[in-house]
Amino acid sequence: MKFHTRYTTFALAVLLLGGTSGCQDYFKLDTNPSLISNPPLSALLSTTTQKTAFSSQRVANFTSYFVQYLANPTAGGSTDTYQVTDYTATWDYVYFALADLRDMKLQAQEQGASEYVGVADVMLAYHLNLIADTFGAAPFSNAFDGTTLTPTYDSEETLYTTALSLLNESLTELAKTDSRIKLVAANDLIHKGSTAAWIKTAHALRARMLNKISKKSSYDPAAVLDAVSKSYSSNADDAQMASFQLRNPWAQVARNNANLLLDGWLSTQLVNHLNGTTYSIVDPRIEKITDRTVNNTYVGTRNGQGNVGGNNTTKDEVYISLNSPLSGDASPLLIVTYSEMKFVEAEAALRAGDRARAYAAYLAGIRANMDKLGVAAAARDAYLSNPAVGVGANGLTLELIFKEKYVTTYLNPEAWNDARRYDYRYKGFTLPLNAALPTFIRRVAYPNGETSKNGVNVPDDVPLSTPLWWDKP
């Protein structure tokens, strides 16, 4: 296999410098004899499953500021305040993963390895959504076929339909029983070689995508509910990855804080969402997400304002914690979870008028997330029985569903899709201090690396407040 596109070579440099992958990356580059020219499918499986989780984390590393999970401890941070910011490294990393996945799919097709084709399709669809939901239109159709150094852009809607088609194809491939090469459990860092698990994840991603178009007239809650019903049935089904060369990258952020390389402080919005300030009820998950300040309290940092209580080193405000099951050294990176699926079900069922199903799913989503985080059963049950949470089927609202799902998707890029679909109507959610836009951010600018090398095809600049196609009626 041979790629002549700049995506491969440029992203390769980023990856080697970043050192995030524990597996060799495989491309036949005539000028680089150190790379293996024809890797086995099992090796590509290791590479692509790990990169899928890392791609998710890299996107979440800036979208988490847009949904105000995180805030910069320094005033006026560019991501905090919606300034045009260069995300070339993330763009290149995702495209490098796409190239790996295309390699794996083509090789699997040649070898009659339908299981690998299906798994590649699932991860291709996931990466396309990461790009399209963040930047908008992007190259794909002719980005990896070696015909051009300046691939054209597929529209936002085309990327959506392509990703959905890939997921449908994955279900066909994974249902076959005659794959000539079976998935190797040790090399599948997400689902340990289980085709049944990959089928569930394909349905989970379909449910996400079908629910994402809730503003469109084509939205079909019945289709969403059908996809959810074929996805996960417990936390054990979650798509996650916990194989690191050194540690979970969120844990590295926490360690950087300890070494005074400040990053990853928690936003006032998230902290107040959990500590009783916004909703007059303390969510016990706050103890599983962060540590108390030196003053034995939970205090966040306002986006755009930075730390105001001290000299940025006294821990007077809270930040990503090594003690959290989501950001410890060996914590898994979550791609899509059972808890999230229950909230997708709750929303679709409520929109369809089935309040009983919606309420049951809403409660199950909270319970599953608390169990995932290790919240004590007594604290979990007390929270669920609080009248502000356990409102009954007739009292359930979209506001409550989005409120609880916001906690479940902590540090997941899917949270930004929800925030935009919900028009940022979370209680107490305000613009960052000194925001560069008059309203909330809806997309990010194309990276400098892309505009410098493929500027002839990069779409004209649009304000970062311009909604993506699915974010408008």
Protein backbone atom coordinates (compact mmCIF):
# COMPACT_ATOMS: atom_id res chain seq x y z
CA MET A 1 0.00 0.00 0.00
CA LYS A 2 1.22 3.43 -0.84
CA PHE A 3 -0.13 6.87 0.04
CA HIS A 4 1.08 10.01 -1.65
CA THR A 5 -1.24 12.42 0.10
CA ARG A 6 0.15 15.02 2.45
CA TYR A 7 -2.19 13.72 5.18
CA THR A 8 -0.01 10.68 5.69
CA THR A 9 3.38 12.35 5.75
CA PHE A 10 2.41 15.43 7.70
CA ALA A 11 0.45 13.57 10.35
CA LEU A 12 3.22 11.00 10.68
CA ALA A 13 5.59 13.69 11.87
CA VAL A 14 3.07 14.85 14.44
CA LEU A 15 2.53 11.34 15.72
CA LEU A 16 6.22 10.52 16.06
CA LEU A 17 6.86 13.74 17.90
CA GLY A 18 3.88 13.21 20.18
CA GLY A 19 4.79 9.63 21.06
CA THR A 20 1.23 8.76 22.03
CA SER A 21 0.94 5.39 20.34
CA GLY A 22 2.37 2.22 21.79
CA CYS A 23 2.23 0.48 18.41
CA GLN A 24 4.16 0.94 15.16
CA ASP A 25 2.41 2.86 12.41
CA TYR A 26 2.48 1.15 9.05
CA PHE A 27 2.83 2.94 5.74
CA LYS A 28 4.87 2.24 2.67
CA LEU A 29 6.73 5.49 2.23
CA ASP A 30 9.55 5.23 -0.30
CA THR A 31 11.74 7.62 1.70
CA ASN A 32 11.22 5.95 5.05
CA PRO A 33 12.63 2.39 5.15
CA SER A 34 12.03 2.12 8.90
CA LEU A 35 8.29 1.64 8.39
CA ILE A 36 6.87 -1.83 7.81
CA SER A 37 5.49 -2.06 4.28
CA ASN A 38 2.95 -4.83 4.69
CA PRO A 39 1.84 -5.22 8.32
CA PRO A 40 -0.54 -8.00 9.38
CA LEU A 41 -4.14 -7.10 10.05
CA SER A 42 -3.69 -7.83 13.75
CA ALA A 43 -1.01 -5.13 14.01
CA LEU A 44 -3.21 -2.64 12.19
CA LEU A 45 -6.00 -3.52 14.60
CA SER A 46 -3.82 -2.56 17.57
CA THR A 47 -2.84 0.70 15.95
CA THR A 48 -6.32 1.75 14.88
CA THR A 49 -8.17 0.83 18.04
CA GLN A 50 -5.71 2.78 20.14
CA LYS A 51 -5.74 5.77 17.81
CA THR A 52 -9.54 5.85 17.84
CA ALA A 53 -9.52 6.51 21.57
CA PHE A 54 -6.69 9.03 21.29
CA SER A 55 -8.46 10.86 18.45
CA SER A 56 -11.49 11.22 20.69
CA GLN A 57 -9.38 12.57 23.54
CA ARG A 58 -7.54 15.04 21.31
CA VAL A 59 -10.80 16.52 20.05
CA ALA A 60 -12.23 16.60 23.57
CA ASN A 61 -9.09 18.41 24.71
CA PHE A 62 -10.48 21.60 23.19
CA THR A 63 -14.24 20.98 22.87
CA SER A 64 -14.36 20.46 26.65
CA TYR A 65 -13.66 24.19 26.96
CA PHE A 66 -16.59 25.02 24.68
CA VAL A 67 -19.03 23.07 26.87
CA GLN A 68 -17.31 24.49 29.97
CA TYR A 69 -16.09 21.27 31.53
CA LEU A 70 -12.64 22.84 31.51
CA ALA A 71 -11.35 26.40 31.81
CA ASN A 72 -7.95 27.97 31.35
CA PRO A 73 -6.42 29.20 34.63
CA THR A 74 -4.98 32.14 32.68
CA ALA A 75 -7.32 34.96 31.67
CA GLY A 76 -8.26 35.27 28.00
CA GLY A 77 -7.30 31.78 26.84
CA SER A 78 -7.93 31.50 23.09
CA THR A 79 -10.00 28.30 23.27
CA ASP A 80 -11.94 29.56 26.29
CA THR A 81 -12.92 32.79 24.55
CA TYR A 82 -13.75 31.46 21.05
CA GLN A 83 -10.75 32.97 19.30
CA VAL A 84 -9.62 31.46 16.00
CA THR A 85 -7.18 28.81 17.19
CA ASP A 86 -4.94 26.46 15.23
CA TYR A 87 -5.82 22.79 15.75
CA THR A 88 -3.49 21.43 13.08
CA ALA A 89 -2.08 18.70 15.33
CA THR A 90 -5.54 17.30 16.07
CA TRP A 91 -6.64 17.47 12.42
CA ASP A 92 -3.50 15.65 11.31
CA TYR A 93 -3.78 13.01 14.00
CA VAL A 94 -7.35 12.18 13.00
CA TYR A 95 -6.42 12.03 9.31
CA PHE A 96 -3.47 9.81 10.02
CA ALA A 97 -5.84 7.45 11.86
CA LEU A 98 -8.22 7.57 8.88
CA ALA A 99 -5.36 6.58 6.58
CA ASP A 100 -4.50 3.64 8.85
CA LEU A 101 -8.13 2.57 8.87
CA ARG A 102 -8.42 2.76 5.10
CA ASP A 103 -5.29 0.61 4.86
CA MET A 104 -6.79 -1.95 7.22
CA LYS A 105 -10.08 -2.03 5.34
CA LEU A 106 -8.48 -2.47 1.91
CA GLN A 107 -6.15 -5.17 3.15
CA ALA A 108 -9.03 -6.95 4.90
CA GLN A 109 -11.13 -6.86 1.74
CA GLU A 110 -8.26 -8.35 -0.25
CA GLN A 111 -7.90 -11.17 2.29
CA GLY A 112 -11.59 -11.89 2.77
CA ALA A 113 -11.41 -10.81 6.43
CA SER A 114 -14.94 -9.51 6.87
CA GLU A 115 -14.53 -9.03 10.64
CA TYR A 116 -11.71 -6.56 10.05
CA VAL A 117 -13.68 -4.80 7.31
CA GLY A 118 -16.58 -4.32 9.71
CA VAL A 119 -14.42 -3.03 12.54
CA ALA A 120 -12.61 -0.64 10.17
CA ASP A 121 -15.97 0.69 8.98
CA VAL A 122 -17.07 1.43 12.55
CA MET A 123 -13.92 3.38 13.31
CA LEU A 124 -13.91 5.16 9.93
CA ALA A 125 -17.43 6.39 10.65
CA TYR A 126 -16.40 7.54 14.11
CA HIS A 127 -13.44 9.54 12.79
CA LEU A 128 -15.52 11.13 10.04
CA ASN A 129 -17.94 12.35 12.67
CA LEU A 130 -15.10 13.78 14.75
CA ILE A 131 -13.92 15.85 11.79
CA ALA A 132 -17.32 16.86 10.42
CA ASP A 133 -18.81 17.75 13.81
CA THR A 134 -15.83 19.94 14.63
CA PHE A 135 -14.71 21.61 11.39
CA GLY A 136 -17.58 21.00 8.97
CA ALA A 137 -16.90 20.01 5.36
CA ALA A 138 -13.66 18.06 4.93
CA PRO A 139 -11.71 15.85 2.47
CA PHE A 140 -12.55 12.18 2.37
CA SER A 141 -13.81 10.83 -0.97
CA ASN A 142 -10.47 11.31 -2.73
CA ALA A 143 -8.20 12.06 0.22
CA PHE A 144 -6.46 8.67 0.34
CA ASP A 145 -6.57 7.25 -3.17
CA GLY A 146 -3.22 8.69 -4.31
CA THR A 147 -4.73 10.73 -7.14
CA THR A 148 -4.10 14.20 -5.76
CA LEU A 149 -2.13 16.18 -3.21
CA THR A 150 -5.04 18.61 -2.86
CA PRO A 151 -8.14 16.55 -2.23
CA THR A 152 -11.54 18.14 -2.63
CA TYR A 153 -13.95 18.65 0.24
CA ASP A 154 -17.07 16.62 0.88
CA SER A 155 -19.93 18.66 2.28
CA GLU A 156 -20.97 18.38 5.91
CA GLU A 157 -24.10 16.45 4.99
CA THR A 158 -22.19 14.16 2.62
CA LEU A 159 -19.79 13.24 5.41
CA TYR A 160 -22.77 12.45 7.63
CA THR A 161 -24.40 10.18 5.06
CA THR A 162 -21.03 8.54 4.31
CA ALA A 163 -20.47 7.79 8.00
CA LEU A 164 -23.99 6.38 8.33
CA SER A 165 -23.42 4.20 5.25
CA LEU A 166 -20.16 2.93 6.75
CA LEU A 167 -21.97 1.91 9.92
CA ASN A 168 -24.65 0.12 7.91
CA GLU A 169 -21.95 -1.67 5.93
CA SER A 170 -20.17 -2.61 9.15
CA LEU A 171 -23.27 -4.41 10.38
CA THR A 172 -23.41 -6.44 7.19
CA GLU A 173 -19.72 -7.37 7.40
CA LEU A 174 -19.76 -8.18 11.11
CA ALA A 175 -22.79 -10.44 10.66
CA LYS A 176 -20.88 -12.70 8.26
CA THR A 177 -19.64 -15.98 9.67
CA ASP A 178 -17.03 -16.84 7.05
CA SER A 179 -14.30 -14.29 7.80
CA ARG A 180 -11.01 -15.87 6.68
CA ILE A 181 -9.12 -14.06 9.43
CA LYS A 182 -10.59 -13.65 12.89
CA LEU A 183 -10.13 -10.66 15.14
CA VAL A 184 -7.27 -11.17 17.59
CA ALA A 185 -8.46 -10.38 21.10
CA ALA A 186 -5.06 -9.18 22.30
CA ASN A 187 -4.82 -6.70 19.42
CA ASP A 188 -8.31 -5.28 19.75
CA LEU A 189 -7.81 -2.63 22.41
CA ILE A 190 -11.49 -1.65 22.50
CA HIS A 191 -13.59 -4.83 22.39
CA LYS A 192 -11.08 -7.68 22.79
CA GLY A 193 -11.96 -9.32 19.49
CA SER A 194 -15.72 -9.61 20.09
CA THR A 195 -17.74 -9.10 16.91
CA ALA A 196 -20.91 -9.00 19.01
CA ALA A 197 -19.48 -6.05 20.95
CA TRP A 198 -18.53 -4.24 17.74
CA ILE A 199 -22.05 -4.76 16.40
CA LYS A 200 -23.43 -3.12 19.55
CA THR A 201 -21.04 -0.20 19.13
CA ALA A 202 -22.06 0.23 15.50
CA HIS A 203 -25.68 0.50 16.64
CA ALA A 204 -24.69 2.88 19.44
CA LEU A 205 -22.94 5.19 16.98
CA ARG A 206 -25.95 4.97 14.65
CA ALA A 207 -28.20 5.98 17.55
CA ARG A 208 -25.94 8.96 18.24
CA MET A 209 -26.01 10.05 14.63
CA LEU A 210 -29.75 9.60 14.18
CA ASN A 211 -30.41 11.53 17.39
CA LYS A 212 -27.97 14.30 16.42
CA ILE A 213 -30.34 15.54 13.71
CA SER A 214 -33.06 16.37 16.25
CA LYS A 215 -33.50 19.83 14.71
CA LYS A 216 -34.19 18.47 11.23
CA SER A 217 -37.60 17.54 9.85
CA SER A 218 -36.16 14.13 8.98
CA TYR A 219 -35.55 13.29 12.64
CA ASP A 220 -37.13 9.93 13.42
CA PRO A 221 -37.26 9.03 17.12
CA ALA A 222 -38.46 5.51 16.25
CA ALA A 223 -35.26 4.92 14.27
CA VAL A 224 -33.19 6.23 17.17
CA LEU A 225 -34.96 3.93 19.61
CA ASP A 226 -34.50 0.94 17.31
CA ALA A 227 -30.74 1.60 17.14
CA VAL A 228 -30.52 2.05 20.91
CA SER A 229 -32.35 -1.23 21.51
CA LYS A 230 -29.65 -3.04 19.52
CA SER A 231 -26.77 -1.34 21.28
CA TYR A 232 -25.62 -1.68 24.89
CA SER A 233 -27.34 -3.43 27.77
CA SER A 234 -24.90 -2.61 30.61
CA ASN A 235 -21.72 -0.74 31.46
CA ALA A 236 -19.79 -3.86 30.49
CA ASP A 237 -20.58 -3.11 26.85
CA ASP A 238 -18.93 0.34 26.80
CA ALA A 239 -16.52 1.14 23.98
CA GLN A 240 -13.37 2.19 25.78
CA MET A 241 -9.59 1.84 25.57
CA ALA A 242 -7.07 1.62 28.40
CA SER A 243 -3.79 0.56 26.76
CA PHE A 244 -1.22 3.33 27.08
CA GLN A 245 2.46 3.61 26.46
CA LEU A 246 2.71 5.48 29.75
CA ARG A 247 -0.63 6.74 31.09
CA ASN A 248 -4.07 8.11 30.24
CA PRO A 249 -3.52 11.55 28.61
CA TRP A 250 -5.97 13.19 31.02
CA ALA A 251 -3.79 11.87 33.83
CA GLN A 252 -0.86 13.57 32.19
CA VAL A 253 -2.79 16.85 32.37
CA ALA A 254 -3.28 16.27 36.10
CA ARG A 255 0.42 15.52 36.55
CA ASN A 256 1.32 18.63 34.58
CA ASN A 257 -0.72 20.68 37.04
CA ALA A 258 1.27 19.18 39.91
CA ASN A 259 4.43 20.29 38.11
CA LEU A 260 3.03 23.80 37.64
CA LEU A 261 2.40 23.34 33.89
CA LEU A 262 -1.14 24.50 34.38
CA ASP A 263 -3.97 23.09 32.28
CA GLY A 264 -7.28 21.29 32.65
CA TRP A 265 -8.88 23.29 35.45
CA LEU A 266 -12.58 22.65 35.88
CA SER A 267 -15.02 25.31 34.78
CA THR A 268 -17.32 27.14 37.15
CA GLN A 269 -20.20 25.88 35.00
CA LEU A 270 -19.44 22.20 35.63
CA VAL A 271 -18.51 22.63 39.28
CA ASN A 272 -21.64 24.64 40.07
CA HIS A 273 -23.68 22.09 38.10
CA LEU A 274 -22.50 19.48 40.62
CA ASN A 275 -21.83 21.22 43.93
CA GLY A 276 -25.37 22.38 44.70
CA THR A 277 -24.98 25.98 43.55
CA THR A 278 -27.02 25.73 40.36
CA TYR A 279 -29.52 23.01 41.25
CA SER A 280 -29.64 23.14 45.06
CA ILE A 281 -28.67 19.48 45.19
CA VAL A 282 -25.15 18.10 45.53
CA ASP A 283 -24.36 15.49 42.92
CA PRO A 284 -22.16 12.82 44.56
CA ARG A 285 -20.28 12.35 41.28
CA ILE A 286 -18.35 15.53 42.00
CA GLU A 287 -16.21 13.52 44.45
CA LYS A 288 -15.41 11.07 41.66
CA ILE A 289 -14.49 13.76 39.16
CA THR A 290 -12.26 16.12 41.11
CA ASP A 291 -10.60 16.78 44.49
CA ARG A 292 -11.49 19.45 46.99
CA THR A 293 -9.55 22.69 47.15
CA VAL A 294 -7.17 23.57 49.96
CA ASN A 295 -10.22 25.21 51.55
CA ASN A 296 -12.14 21.90 51.48
CA THR A 297 -14.59 23.21 48.89
CA TYR A 298 -15.38 22.74 45.21
CA VAL A 299 -14.72 25.97 43.31
CA GLY A 300 -14.45 26.25 39.54
CA THR A 301 -12.72 28.69 37.21
CA ARG A 302 -14.78 30.95 34.99
CA ASN A 303 -14.01 30.55 31.32
CA GLY A 304 -12.12 33.58 30.05
CA GLN A 305 -11.43 34.95 33.51
CA GLY A 306 -8.77 32.58 34.75
CA ASN A 307 -7.86 31.85 38.34
CA VAL A 308 -8.72 34.70 40.69
CA GLY A 309 -8.17 33.25 44.14
CA GLY A 310 -4.42 33.05 44.35
CA ASN A 311 -1.23 32.59 42.39
CA ASN A 312 -2.39 29.59 40.30
CA THR A 313 -0.44 27.12 42.44
CA THR A 314 -2.33 26.96 45.74
CA LYS A 315 -5.16 24.69 44.51
CA ASP A 316 -7.79 27.21 45.51
CA GLU A 317 -9.82 26.06 42.49
CA VAL A 318 -10.33 22.49 41.29
CA TYR A 319 -9.01 20.63 38.27
CA ILE A 320 -8.69 17.24 36.58
CA SER A 321 -7.82 14.67 39.21
CA LEU A 322 -5.56 11.62 39.23
CA ASN A 323 -7.98 10.18 41.79
CA SER A 324 -10.88 10.09 39.34
CA PRO A 325 -11.78 6.81 37.60
CA LEU A 326 -12.00 8.92 34.44
CA SER A 327 -8.57 10.54 34.59
CA GLY A 328 -6.24 8.33 36.59
CA ASP A 329 -3.07 6.87 35.10
CA ALA A 330 -4.79 3.64 34.04
CA SER A 331 -8.31 4.99 33.51
CA PRO A 332 -9.91 4.07 30.20
CA LEU A 333 -10.68 6.60 27.49
CA LEU A 334 -14.42 6.38 26.91
CA ILE A 335 -15.68 6.47 23.33
CA VAL A 336 -19.38 5.68 23.77
CA THR A 337 -21.12 4.26 26.83
CA TYR A 338 -24.25 2.49 27.99
CA SER A 339 -25.09 5.45 30.20
CA GLU A 340 -25.01 7.79 27.21
CA MET A 341 -27.24 5.41 25.26
CA LYS A 342 -29.85 5.51 28.02
CA PHE A 343 -30.00 9.30 27.72
CA VAL A 344 -30.28 9.03 23.93
CA GLU A 345 -33.17 6.64 24.55
CA ALA A 346 -34.74 8.98 27.10
CA GLU A 347 -34.63 11.92 24.71
CA ALA A 348 -35.97 10.01 21.71
CA ALA A 349 -38.70 8.36 23.75
CA LEU A 350 -39.78 11.70 25.22
CA ARG A 351 -39.90 13.25 21.76
CA ALA A 352 -41.97 10.25 20.62
CA GLY A 353 -44.41 10.73 23.49
CA ASP A 354 -43.50 7.58 25.43
CA ARG A 355 -43.00 9.12 28.85
CA ALA A 356 -42.78 5.85 30.73
CA ARG A 357 -39.91 4.58 28.57
CA ALA A 358 -38.22 7.97 28.65
CA TYR A 359 -38.31 8.17 32.44
CA ALA A 360 -37.06 4.63 32.95
CA ALA A 361 -34.15 5.30 30.59
CA TYR A 362 -33.38 8.62 32.30
CA LEU A 363 -33.10 6.95 35.70
CA ALA A 364 -31.09 4.06 34.26
CA GLY A 365 -28.67 6.51 32.66
CA ILE A 366 -27.97 8.25 35.97
CA ARG A 367 -27.62 4.96 37.80
CA ALA A 368 -25.27 3.50 35.21
CA ASN A 369 -23.02 6.53 35.24
CA MET A 370 -22.84 6.61 39.02
CA ASP A 371 -22.01 2.91 39.07
CA LYS A 372 -19.34 3.47 36.43
CA LEU A 373 -17.75 6.13 38.62
CA GLY A 374 -17.97 4.04 41.78
CA VAL A 375 -20.47 6.21 43.65
CA ALA A 376 -21.66 4.45 46.80
CA ALA A 377 -25.07 2.81 46.43
CA ALA A 378 -26.56 4.81 49.30
CA ALA A 379 -25.45 8.14 47.82
CA ARG A 380 -26.64 7.07 44.37
CA ASP A 381 -30.06 6.04 45.61
CA ALA A 382 -30.47 9.19 47.70
CA TYR A 383 -29.74 11.30 44.64
CA LEU A 384 -32.19 9.36 42.49
CA SER A 385 -34.93 9.65 45.09
CA ASN A 386 -34.49 13.40 45.56
CA PRO A 387 -37.65 15.12 44.26
CA ALA A 388 -35.52 17.35 42.02
CA VAL A 389 -34.20 14.27 40.21
CA GLY A 390 -36.86 11.58 40.70
CA VAL A 391 -39.62 13.72 39.20
CA GLY A 392 -41.79 10.91 37.86
CA ALA A 393 -42.67 10.23 34.26
CA ASN A 394 -45.05 13.18 34.01
CA GLY A 395 -42.43 15.56 35.37
CA LEU A 396 -39.63 14.57 33.00
CA THR A 397 -38.39 17.30 30.65
CA LEU A 398 -35.70 17.66 28.00
CA GLU A 399 -33.98 20.04 30.40
CA LEU A 400 -33.56 17.28 32.97
CA ILE A 401 -32.34 14.79 30.36
CA PHE A 402 -29.74 17.20 28.99
CA LYS A 403 -28.76 18.24 32.53
CA GLU A 404 -27.94 14.66 33.51
CA LYS A 405 -26.40 13.69 30.19
CA TYR A 406 -24.03 16.67 30.55
CA VAL A 407 -22.45 14.90 33.53
CA THR A 408 -22.33 11.53 31.80
CA THR A 409 -20.41 12.89 28.78
CA TYR A 410 -17.74 14.66 30.85
CA LEU A 411 -14.52 14.85 28.76
CA ASN A 412 -16.23 13.29 25.73
CA PRO A 413 -16.39 15.26 22.44
CA GLU A 414 -20.03 14.21 22.01
CA ALA A 415 -20.89 16.74 24.72
CA TRP A 416 -20.33 19.61 22.28
CA ASN A 417 -22.81 18.12 19.84
CA ASP A 418 -25.39 18.02 22.62
CA ALA A 419 -24.64 21.58 23.72
CA ARG A 420 -25.20 22.87 20.20
CA ARG A 421 -28.36 20.81 19.67
CA TYR A 422 -29.64 22.16 22.97
CA ASP A 423 -28.55 25.70 22.05
CA TYR A 424 -26.43 25.87 25.22
CA ARG A 425 -29.57 26.23 27.33
CA TYR A 426 -28.04 24.56 30.40
CA LYS A 427 -29.05 26.39 33.54
CA GLY A 428 -26.54 29.09 34.42
CA PHE A 429 -24.56 28.67 31.20
CA THR A 430 -23.08 32.01 30.18
CA LEU A 431 -20.66 33.27 27.56
CA PRO A 432 -16.99 33.24 28.55
CA LEU A 433 -15.68 36.52 29.90
CA ASN A 434 -14.52 38.71 26.98
CA ALA A 435 -15.69 36.17 24.39
CA ALA A 436 -14.59 36.88 20.82
CA LEU A 437 -18.10 36.06 19.57
CA PRO A 438 -21.41 37.66 20.52
CA THR A 439 -22.94 34.20 20.92
CA PHE A 440 -21.87 30.63 21.60
CA ILE A 441 -19.37 28.87 19.37
CA ARG A 442 -20.72 26.42 16.74
CA ARG A 443 -17.62 25.29 14.81
CA VAL A 444 -13.86 25.78 14.71
CA ALA A 445 -11.69 27.25 11.98
CA TYR A 446 -9.77 25.08 9.54
CA PRO A 447 -6.22 24.56 10.78
CA ASN A 448 -3.23 26.45 9.41
CA GLY A 449 -1.61 23.25 8.20
CA GLU A 450 -4.62 22.58 6.00
CA THR A 451 -5.03 26.08 4.62
CA SER A 452 -1.33 26.29 3.76
CA LYS A 453 -1.29 23.02 1.83
CA ASN A 454 -4.80 22.68 0.45
CA GLY A 455 -6.02 26.26 0.50
CA VAL A 456 -7.49 25.97 -2.98
CA ASN A 457 -10.14 23.60 -1.60
CA VAL A 458 -10.62 24.87 1.95
CA PRO A 459 -14.07 26.49 2.23
CA ASP A 460 -14.27 30.24 2.66
CA ASP A 461 -14.01 31.46 6.21
CA VAL A 462 -17.29 31.54 8.08
CA PRO A 463 -17.87 32.97 11.55
CA LEU A 464 -17.33 30.43 14.31
CA SER A 465 -20.90 31.18 15.37
CA THR A 466 -22.24 29.67 12.10
CA PRO A 467 -24.14 26.42 12.81
CA LEU A 468 -23.28 23.16 11.08
CA TRP A 469 -25.94 21.65 8.81
CA TRP A 470 -27.47 19.46 11.52
CA ASP A 471 -27.48 22.34 14.02
CA LYS A 472 -30.22 24.24 12.22
CA PRO A 473 -33.76 23.40 11.04
